[in-house]
Amino acid sequence: MADQTEKPKLGTRPPLGLKRTVETGKVKQSFSHGRSNTVVVEVKKRSAPIIEDWVREASAKGVDAKAALDEFHAEIKKVSAEKR
C-alpha cells in the first residue's frame, strides 16, 4: 500500500495552469531587445486621439492626411520586415 503523503516521483510535473500576468485587453510579449508588445499597445491607444487631431488639422489645410498616414505606416511595416 502506498502512503498518502508520498512525494511525487522524479520526472513528474505538476499540472499546467493559466495565470493572468497582464490585464485583460493587453498583450504581453517580450522580445530579445527588451521591448514588449504591452508598451506598443499602450502607445497606440494613447496616441490615437493625437493622430485623429493631426488628420483633422492637416485635412483642413488641404493635405490628404489619411493617404500620408497610410504611406507612413506602410513604410514602417516595410522597414520592420527588412530588419527581420
Foldseek 3Di string as FASTA:
>chain_A
DDDPPDDDDPPDDDDDDDDDPDDPPADFDADPVGDTRRVVVVCCVVCVVVLVVVCVVCVVVVDNSVVVVVVVVVVVVVVVVVVD
